[in-house]
Amino acid sequence: MPKTNEKTMPENQDETSTLLVGYVRKSNAGGAVKISINTDAFSDCSTYVTSDGQSYVPLVISVNALNKVLNGERAVTTVSQLLD
């Protein structure tokens, strides 16, 4: 009987959940990065407050994906918030 090599993900493997907030693309002229944020998604984001009382929304953009956008390998990548 031939041996099969099936790869399955463990059921208890940690997966990071994210909330899609918007997109990043390079400007047509190529000299800027354009960020488009969905206002409904942004209002659903969690925030944190610094010691000086300022409120911030922590967002993430993959460096690898952003580099692909800047190099012209991809047209767009995502802006997300990591969820606990």
PDB file of N, CA and C in Angstrom:
ATOM      1  N   MET A   1       0.846  -1.177   0.000  1.00  0.00           N
ATOM      2  CA  MET A   1       0.000   0.000   0.000  1.00  0.00           C
ATOM      3  C   MET A   1       0.894   1.245   0.000  1.00  0.00           C
ATOM      4  N   PRO A   2       0.666   2.212  -0.893  1.00  0.00           N
ATOM      5  CA  PRO A   2       1.502   3.405  -0.937  1.00  0.00           C
ATOM      6  C   PRO A   2       1.287   4.285   0.284  1.00  0.00           C
ATOM      7  N   LYS A   3       2.353   4.925   0.687  1.00  0.00           N
ATOM      8  CA  LYS A   3       2.318   5.808   1.842  1.00  0.00           C
ATOM      9  C   LYS A   3       1.852   7.198   1.392  1.00  0.00           C
ATOM     10  N   THR A   4       0.947   7.811   2.138  1.00  0.00           N
ATOM     11  CA  THR A   4       0.507   9.159   1.811  1.00  0.00           C
ATOM     12  C   THR A   4       1.070  10.127   2.839  1.00  0.00           C
ATOM     13  N   ASN A   5       1.428  11.279   2.386  1.00  0.00           N
ATOM     14  CA  ASN A   5       1.959  12.307   3.263  1.00  0.00           C
ATOM     15  C   ASN A   5       0.932  13.414   3.421  1.00  0.00           C
ATOM     16  N   GLU A   6       0.022  13.250   4.363  1.00  0.00           N
ATOM     17  CA  GLU A   6      -0.971  14.271   4.626  1.00  0.00           C
ATOM     18  C   GLU A   6      -0.477  15.160   5.737  1.00  0.00           C
ATOM     19  N   LYS A   7      -0.597  16.450   5.531  1.00  0.00           N
ATOM     20  CA  LYS A   7      -0.233  17.403   6.575  1.00  0.00           C
ATOM     21  C   LYS A   7      -1.514  18.040   7.080  1.00  0.00           C
ATOM     22  N   THR A   8      -1.733  17.929   8.361  1.00  0.00           N
ATOM     23  CA  THR A   8      -2.906  18.541   8.960  1.00  0.00           C
ATOM     24  C   THR A   8      -2.448  19.512  10.029  1.00  0.00           C
ATOM     25  N   MET A   9      -3.264  20.536  10.267  1.00  0.00           N
ATOM     26  CA  MET A   9      -2.946  21.508  11.290  1.00  0.00           C
ATOM     27  C   MET A   9      -3.433  20.980  12.625  1.00  0.00           C
ATOM     28  N   PRO A  10      -2.626  21.086  13.657  1.00  0.00           N
ATOM     29  CA  PRO A  10      -3.084  20.668  14.978  1.00  0.00           C
ATOM     30  C   PRO A  10      -4.290  21.499  15.413  1.00  0.00           C
ATOM     31  N   GLU A  11      -5.211  20.848  16.109  1.00  0.00           N
ATOM     32  CA  GLU A  11      -6.427  21.549  16.508  1.00  0.00           C
ATOM     33  C   GLU A  11      -6.161  22.638  17.524  1.00  0.00           C
ATOM     34  N   ASN A  12      -5.095  22.491  18.312  1.00  0.00           N
ATOM     35  CA  ASN A  12      -4.839  23.462  19.364  1.00  0.00           C
ATOM     36  C   ASN A  12      -3.837  24.541  18.946  1.00  0.00           C
ATOM     37  N   GLN A  13      -3.512  24.641  17.667  1.00  0.00           N
ATOM     38  CA  GLN A  13      -2.557  25.631  17.197  1.00  0.00           C
ATOM     39  C   GLN A  13      -3.155  27.025  17.320  1.00  0.00           C
ATOM     40  N   ASP A  14      -2.349  27.945  17.855  1.00  0.00           N
ATOM     41  CA  ASP A  14      -2.814  29.318  18.010  1.00  0.00           C
ATOM     42  C   ASP A  14      -2.910  29.998  16.647  1.00  0.00           C
ATOM     43  N   GLU A  15      -4.020  30.645  16.420  1.00  0.00           N
ATOM     44  CA  GLU A  15      -4.203  31.425  15.203  1.00  0.00           C
ATOM     45  C   GLU A  15      -4.519  32.848  15.612  1.00  0.00           C
ATOM     46  N   THR A  16      -3.929  33.788  14.930  1.00  0.00           N
ATOM     47  CA  THR A  16      -4.176  35.180  15.228  1.00  0.00           C
ATOM     48  C   THR A  16      -5.383  35.647  14.442  1.00  0.00           C
ATOM     49  N   SER A  17      -6.353  36.204  15.147  1.00  0.00           N
ATOM     50  CA  SER A  17      -7.529  36.763  14.490  1.00  0.00           C
ATOM     51  C   SER A  17      -7.271  38.231  14.204  1.00  0.00           C
ATOM     52  N   THR A  18      -7.785  38.684  13.084  1.00  0.00           N
ATOM     53  CA  THR A  18      -7.616  40.082  12.713  1.00  0.00           C
ATOM     54  C   THR A  18      -8.932  40.681  12.261  1.00  0.00           C
ATOM     55  N   LEU A  19      -9.029  41.978  12.394  1.00  0.00           N
ATOM     56  CA  LEU A  19     -10.163  42.741  11.891  1.00  0.00           C
ATOM     57  C   LEU A  19      -9.662  43.563  10.718  1.00  0.00           C
ATOM     58  N   LEU A  20     -10.208  43.323   9.542  1.00  0.00           N
ATOM     59  CA  LEU A  20      -9.825  44.082   8.353  1.00  0.00           C
ATOM     60  C   LEU A  20     -10.348  45.512   8.498  1.00  0.00           C
ATOM     61  N   VAL A  21      -9.435  46.472   8.395  1.00  0.00           N
ATOM     62  CA  VAL A  21      -9.791  47.867   8.597  1.00  0.00           C
ATOM     63  C   VAL A  21      -9.680  48.668   7.306  1.00  0.00           C
ATOM     64  N   GLY A  22      -8.754  48.283   6.421  1.00  0.00           N
ATOM     65  CA  GLY A  22      -8.590  49.038   5.199  1.00  0.00           C
ATOM     66  C   GLY A  22      -7.524  48.442   4.302  1.00  0.00           C
ATOM     67  N   TYR A  23      -7.064  49.254   3.350  1.00  0.00           N
ATOM     68  CA  TYR A  23      -6.104  48.804   2.350  1.00  0.00           C
ATOM     69  C   TYR A  23      -4.997  49.828   2.166  1.00  0.00           C
ATOM     70  N   VAL A  24      -3.847  49.337   1.715  1.00  0.00           N
ATOM     71  CA  VAL A  24      -2.702  50.188   1.405  1.00  0.00           C
ATOM     72  C   VAL A  24      -2.325  49.947  -0.047  1.00  0.00           C
ATOM     73  N   ARG A  25      -2.029  51.026  -0.776  1.00  0.00           N
ATOM     74  CA  ARG A  25      -1.566  50.911  -2.157  1.00  0.00           C
ATOM     75  C   ARG A  25      -0.566  52.014  -2.427  1.00  0.00           C
ATOM     76  N   LYS A  26       0.209  51.867  -3.468  1.00  0.00           N
ATOM     77  CA  LYS A  26       1.158  52.892  -3.879  1.00  0.00           C
ATOM     78  C   LYS A  26       0.417  53.906  -4.741  1.00  0.00           C
ATOM     79  N   SER A  27       0.756  55.172  -4.605  1.00  0.00           N
ATOM     80  CA  SER A  27       0.116  56.206  -5.415  1.00  0.00           C
ATOM     81  C   SER A  27       0.468  56.009  -6.886  1.00  0.00           C
ATOM     82  N   ASN A  28      -0.339  56.581  -7.756  1.00  0.00           N
ATOM     83  CA  ASN A  28      -0.087  56.456  -9.196  1.00  0.00           C
ATOM     84  C   ASN A  28       1.277  57.007  -9.582  1.00  0.00           C
ATOM     85  N   ALA A  29       1.691  58.088  -8.940  1.00  0.00           N
ATOM     86  CA  ALA A  29       2.995  58.680  -9.241  1.00  0.00           C
ATOM     87  C   ALA A  29       4.129  57.874  -8.610  1.00  0.00           C
ATOM     88  N   GLY A  30       3.786  57.033  -7.634  1.00  0.00           N
ATOM     89  CA  GLY A  30       4.779  56.168  -7.009  1.00  0.00           C
ATOM     90  C   GLY A  30       5.570  56.783  -5.882  1.00  0.00           C
ATOM     91  N   GLY A  31       5.273  58.021  -5.536  1.00  0.00           N
ATOM     92  CA  GLY A  31       6.042  58.688  -4.494  1.00  0.00           C
ATOM     93  C   GLY A  31       5.408  58.676  -3.123  1.00  0.00           C
ATOM     94  N   ALA A  32       4.277  58.006  -2.986  1.00  0.00           N
ATOM     95  CA  ALA A  32       3.575  57.990  -1.707  1.00  0.00           C
ATOM     96  C   ALA A  32       2.849  56.658  -1.518  1.00  0.00           C
ATOM     97  N   VAL A  33       2.505  56.381  -0.275  1.00  0.00           N
ATOM     98  CA  VAL A  33       1.681  55.221   0.071  1.00  0.00           C
ATOM     99  C   VAL A  33       0.309  55.760   0.447  1.00  0.00           C
ATOM    100  N   LYS A  34      -0.728  55.233  -0.183  1.00  0.00           N
ATOM    101  CA  LYS A  34      -2.091  55.663   0.095  1.00  0.00           C
ATOM    102  C   LYS A  34      -2.759  54.633   1.007  1.00  0.00           C
ATOM    103  N   ILE A  35      -3.357  55.114   2.078  1.00  0.00           N
ATOM    104  CA  ILE A  35      -4.041  54.246   3.035  1.00  0.00           C
ATOM    105  C   ILE A  35      -5.518  54.606   3.017  1.00  0.00           C
ATOM    106  N   SER A  36      -6.364  53.608   2.776  1.00  0.00           N
ATOM    107  CA  SER A  36      -7.813  53.801   2.788  1.00  0.00           C
ATOM    108  C   SER A  36      -8.393  53.005   3.944  1.00  0.00           C
ATOM    109  N   ILE A  37      -9.062  53.703   4.866  1.00  0.00           N
ATOM    110  CA  ILE A  37      -9.626  53.081   6.053  1.00  0.00           C
ATOM    111  C   ILE A  37     -11.146  53.098   5.958  1.00  0.00           C
ATOM    112  N   ASN A  38     -11.761  51.951   6.200  1.00  0.00           N
ATOM    113  CA  ASN A  38     -13.216  51.849   6.232  1.00  0.00           C
ATOM    114  C   ASN A  38     -13.697  52.419   7.561  1.00  0.00           C
ATOM    115  N   THR A  39     -14.526  53.446   7.519  1.00  0.00           N
ATOM    116  CA  THR A  39     -14.934  54.127   8.749  1.00  0.00           C
ATOM    117  C   THR A  39     -15.761  53.233   9.670  1.00  0.00           C
ATOM    118  N   ASP A  40     -16.590  52.358   9.114  1.00  0.00           N
ATOM    119  CA  ASP A  40     -17.364  51.445   9.958  1.00  0.00           C
ATOM    120  C   ASP A  40     -16.442  50.466  10.683  1.00  0.00           C
ATOM    121  N   ALA A  41     -15.477  49.914   9.967  1.00  0.00           N
ATOM    122  CA  ALA A  41     -14.533  48.984  10.582  1.00  0.00           C
ATOM    123  C   ALA A  41     -13.658  49.707  11.599  1.00  0.00           C
ATOM    124  N   PHE A  42     -13.249  50.930  11.288  1.00  0.00           N
ATOM    125  CA  PHE A  42     -12.396  51.701  12.196  1.00  0.00           C
ATOM    126  C   PHE A  42     -13.109  51.964  13.515  1.00  0.00           C
ATOM    127  N   SER A  43     -14.409  52.243  13.443  1.00  0.00           N
ATOM    128  CA  SER A  43     -15.166  52.507  14.676  1.00  0.00           C
ATOM    129  C   SER A  43     -15.327  51.244  15.521  1.00  0.00           C
ATOM    130  N   ASP A  44     -15.150  50.067  14.909  1.00  0.00           N
ATOM    131  CA  ASP A  44     -15.231  48.805  15.650  1.00  0.00           C
ATOM    132  C   ASP A  44     -13.901  48.425  16.304  1.00  0.00           C
ATOM    133  N   CYS A  45     -12.839  49.154  15.999  1.00  0.00           N
ATOM    134  CA  CYS A  45     -11.510  48.828  16.531  1.00  0.00           C
ATOM    135  C   CYS A  45     -11.404  49.163  18.016  1.00  0.00           C
ATOM    136  N   SER A  46     -10.577  48.383  18.700  1.00  0.00           N
ATOM    137  CA  SER A  46     -10.272  48.709  20.090  1.00  0.00           C
ATOM    138  C   SER A  46      -9.186  49.775  20.116  1.00  0.00           C
ATOM    139  N   THR A  47      -9.129  50.501  21.217  1.00  0.00           N
ATOM    140  CA  THR A  47      -8.177  51.590  21.356  1.00  0.00           C
ATOM    141  C   THR A  47      -7.381  51.417  22.648  1.00  0.00           C
ATOM    142  N   TYR A  48      -6.336  52.210  22.789  1.00  0.00           N
ATOM    143  CA  TYR A  48      -5.632  52.303  24.057  1.00  0.00           C
ATOM    144  C   TYR A  48      -5.337  53.775  24.320  1.00  0.00           C
ATOM    145  N   VAL A  49      -5.121  54.094  25.594  1.00  0.00           N
ATOM    146  CA  VAL A  49      -4.878  55.474  25.999  1.00  0.00           C
ATOM    147  C   VAL A  49      -3.486  55.555  26.602  1.00  0.00           C
ATOM    148  N   THR A  50      -2.727  56.557  26.169  1.00  0.00           N
ATOM    149  CA  THR A  50      -1.379  56.759  26.704  1.00  0.00           C
ATOM    150  C   THR A  50      -1.443  57.565  27.993  1.00  0.00           C
ATOM    151  N   SER A  51      -0.307  57.661  28.670  1.00  0.00           N
ATOM    152  CA  SER A  51      -0.263  58.356  29.966  1.00  0.00           C
ATOM    153  C   SER A  51      -0.617  59.832  29.860  1.00  0.00           C
ATOM    154  N   ASP A  52      -0.479  60.420  28.662  1.00  0.00           N
ATOM    155  CA  ASP A  52      -0.845  61.829  28.499  1.00  0.00           C
ATOM    156  C   ASP A  52      -2.306  62.008  28.090  1.00  0.00           C
ATOM    157  N   GLY A  53      -3.082  60.906  28.083  1.00  0.00           N
ATOM    158  CA  GLY A  53      -4.512  60.978  27.812  1.00  0.00           C
ATOM    159  C   GLY A  53      -4.902  60.869  26.350  1.00  0.00           C
ATOM    160  N   GLN A  54      -3.923  60.683  25.448  1.00  0.00           N
ATOM    161  CA  GLN A  54      -4.227  60.541  24.021  1.00  0.00           C
ATOM    162  C   GLN A  54      -4.720  59.126  23.731  1.00  0.00           C
ATOM    163  N   SER A  55      -5.697  59.007  22.855  1.00  0.00           N
ATOM    164  CA  SER A  55      -6.273  57.718  22.484  1.00  0.00           C
ATOM    165  C   SER A  55      -5.774  57.307  21.104  1.00  0.00           C
ATOM    166  N   TYR A  56      -5.380  56.033  20.965  1.00  0.00           N
ATOM    167  CA  TYR A  56      -4.832  55.520  19.711  1.00  0.00           C
ATOM    168  C   TYR A  56      -5.514  54.217  19.322  1.00  0.00           C
ATOM    169  N   VAL A  57      -5.526  53.947  18.007  1.00  0.00           N
ATOM    170  CA  VAL A  57      -6.023  52.688  17.455  1.00  0.00           C
ATOM    171  C   VAL A  57      -4.814  51.923  16.920  1.00  0.00           C
ATOM    172  N   PRO A  58      -4.454  50.790  17.534  1.00  0.00           N
ATOM    173  CA  PRO A  58      -3.294  50.029  17.053  1.00  0.00           C
ATOM    174  C   PRO A  58      -3.647  49.217  15.803  1.00  0.00           C
ATOM    175  N   LEU A  59      -2.945  49.484  14.705  1.00  0.00           N
ATOM    176  CA  LEU A  59      -3.175  48.795  13.437  1.00  0.00           C
ATOM    177  C   LEU A  59      -1.874  48.170  12.958  1.00  0.00           C
ATOM    178  N   VAL A  60      -1.979  47.157  12.105  1.00  0.00           N
ATOM    179  CA  VAL A  60      -0.790  46.495  11.575  1.00  0.00           C
ATOM    180  C   VAL A  60      -0.875  46.379  10.058  1.00  0.00           C
ATOM    181  N   ILE A  61       0.313  46.461   9.439  1.00  0.00           N
ATOM    182  CA  ILE A  61       0.490  46.213   8.016  1.00  0.00           C
ATOM    183  C   ILE A  61       1.682  45.283   7.903  1.00  0.00           C
ATOM    184  N   SER A  62       1.550  44.199   7.189  1.00  0.00           N
ATOM    185  CA  SER A  62       2.658  43.275   6.987  1.00  0.00           C
ATOM    186  C   SER A  62       3.778  43.962   6.209  1.00  0.00           C
ATOM    187  N   VAL A  63       4.989  43.915   6.753  1.00  0.00           N
ATOM    188  CA  VAL A  63       6.136  44.525   6.085  1.00  0.00           C
ATOM    189  C   VAL A  63       6.409  43.815   4.759  1.00  0.00           C
ATOM    190  N   ASN A  64       6.341  42.488   4.756  1.00  0.00           N
ATOM    191  CA  ASN A  64       6.578  41.740   3.517  1.00  0.00           C
ATOM    192  C   ASN A  64       5.560  42.099   2.442  1.00  0.00           C
ATOM    193  N   ALA A  65       4.293  42.176   2.817  1.00  0.00           N
ATOM    194  CA  ALA A  65       3.251  42.519   1.846  1.00  0.00           C
ATOM    195  C   ALA A  65       3.399  43.965   1.378  1.00  0.00           C
ATOM    196  N   LEU A  66       3.759  44.870   2.284  1.00  0.00           N
ATOM    197  CA  LEU A  66       3.959  46.264   1.899  1.00  0.00           C
ATOM    198  C   LEU A  66       5.135  46.406   0.932  1.00  0.00           C
ATOM    199  N   ASN A  67       6.203  45.661   1.181  1.00  0.00           N
ATOM    200  CA  ASN A  67       7.338  45.681   0.256  1.00  0.00           C
ATOM    201  C   ASN A  67       6.929  45.203  -1.134  1.00  0.00           C
ATOM    202  N   LYS A  68       6.064  44.197  -1.205  1.00  0.00           N
ATOM    203  CA  LYS A  68       5.587  43.713  -2.506  1.00  0.00           C
ATOM    204  C   LYS A  68       4.767  44.777  -3.213  1.00  0.00           C
ATOM    205  N   VAL A  69       3.987  45.556  -2.461  1.00  0.00           N
ATOM    206  CA  VAL A  69       3.230  46.656  -3.058  1.00  0.00           C
ATOM    207  C   VAL A  69       4.194  47.714  -3.581  1.00  0.00           C
ATOM    208  N   LEU A  70       5.189  48.062  -2.780  1.00  0.00           N
ATOM    209  CA  LEU A  70       6.148  49.100  -3.185  1.00  0.00           C
ATOM    210  C   LEU A  70       6.993  48.669  -4.372  1.00  0.00           C
ATOM    211  N   ASN A  71       7.262  47.361  -4.473  1.00  0.00           N
ATOM    212  CA  ASN A  71       8.056  46.831  -5.590  1.00  0.00           C
ATOM    213  C   ASN A  71       7.221  46.543  -6.834  1.00  0.00           C
ATOM    214  N   GLY A  72       5.908  46.720  -6.743  1.00  0.00           N
ATOM    215  CA  GLY A  72       5.032  46.490  -7.887  1.00  0.00           C
ATOM    216  C   GLY A  72       4.623  45.045  -8.078  1.00  0.00           C
ATOM    217  N   GLU A  73       4.948  44.166  -7.123  1.00  0.00           N
ATOM    218  CA  GLU A  73       4.559  42.755  -7.218  1.00  0.00           C
ATOM    219  C   GLU A  73       3.090  42.551  -6.858  1.00  0.00           C
ATOM    220  N   ARG A  74       2.538  43.446  -6.064  1.00  0.00           N
ATOM    221  CA  ARG A  74       1.134  43.411  -5.669  1.00  0.00           C
ATOM    222  C   ARG A  74       0.564  44.806  -5.823  1.00  0.00           C
ATOM    223  N   ALA A  75      -0.733  44.886  -6.067  1.00  0.00           N
ATOM    224  CA  ALA A  75      -1.378  46.193  -6.205  1.00  0.00           C
ATOM    225  C   ALA A  75      -1.785  46.770  -4.854  1.00  0.00           C
ATOM    226  N   VAL A  76      -2.128  45.891  -3.913  1.00  0.00           N
ATOM    227  CA  VAL A  76      -2.706  46.347  -2.654  1.00  0.00           C
ATOM    228  C   VAL A  76      -2.417  45.332  -1.554  1.00  0.00           C
ATOM    229  N   THR A  77      -2.404  45.797  -0.307  1.00  0.00           N
ATOM    230  CA  THR A  77      -2.347  44.905   0.852  1.00  0.00           C
ATOM    231  C   THR A  77      -3.271  45.469   1.923  1.00  0.00           C
ATOM    232  N   THR A  78      -3.404  44.777   3.027  1.00  0.00           N
ATOM    233  CA  THR A  78      -4.409  45.120   4.018  1.00  0.00           C
ATOM    234  C   THR A  78      -3.844  45.874   5.218  1.00  0.00           C
ATOM    235  N   VAL A  79      -4.711  46.646   5.842  1.00  0.00           N
ATOM    236  CA  VAL A  79      -4.485  47.256   7.149  1.00  0.00           C
ATOM    237  C   VAL A  79      -5.443  46.554   8.081  1.00  0.00           C
ATOM    238  N   SER A  80      -4.930  46.013   9.190  1.00  0.00           N
ATOM    239  CA  SER A  80      -5.764  45.227  10.089  1.00  0.00           C
ATOM    240  C   SER A  80      -5.482  45.582  11.541  1.00  0.00           C
ATOM    241  N   GLN A  81      -6.374  45.115  12.408  1.00  0.00           N
ATOM    242  CA  GLN A  81      -6.128  45.183  13.843  1.00  0.00           C
ATOM    243  C   GLN A  81      -6.077  43.761  14.359  1.00  0.00           C
ATOM    244  N   LEU A  82      -5.076  43.455  15.170  1.00  0.00           N
ATOM    245  CA  LEU A  82      -4.973  42.131  15.765  1.00  0.00           C
ATOM    246  C   LEU A  82      -5.987  42.032  16.898  1.00  0.00           C
ATOM    247  N   LEU A  83      -6.705  40.923  16.927  1.00  0.00           N
ATOM    248  CA  LEU A  83      -7.714  40.700  17.968  1.00  0.00           C
ATOM    249  C   LEU A  83      -7.204  39.672  18.953  1.00  0.00           C
ATOM    250  N   ASP A  84      -7.570  39.852  20.206  1.00  0.00           N
ATOM    251  CA  ASP A  84      -7.167  38.884  21.240  1.00  0.00           C
ATOM    252  C   ASP A  84      -8.053  37.671  21.247  1.00  0.00           C
TER     253      ASP A  84
END
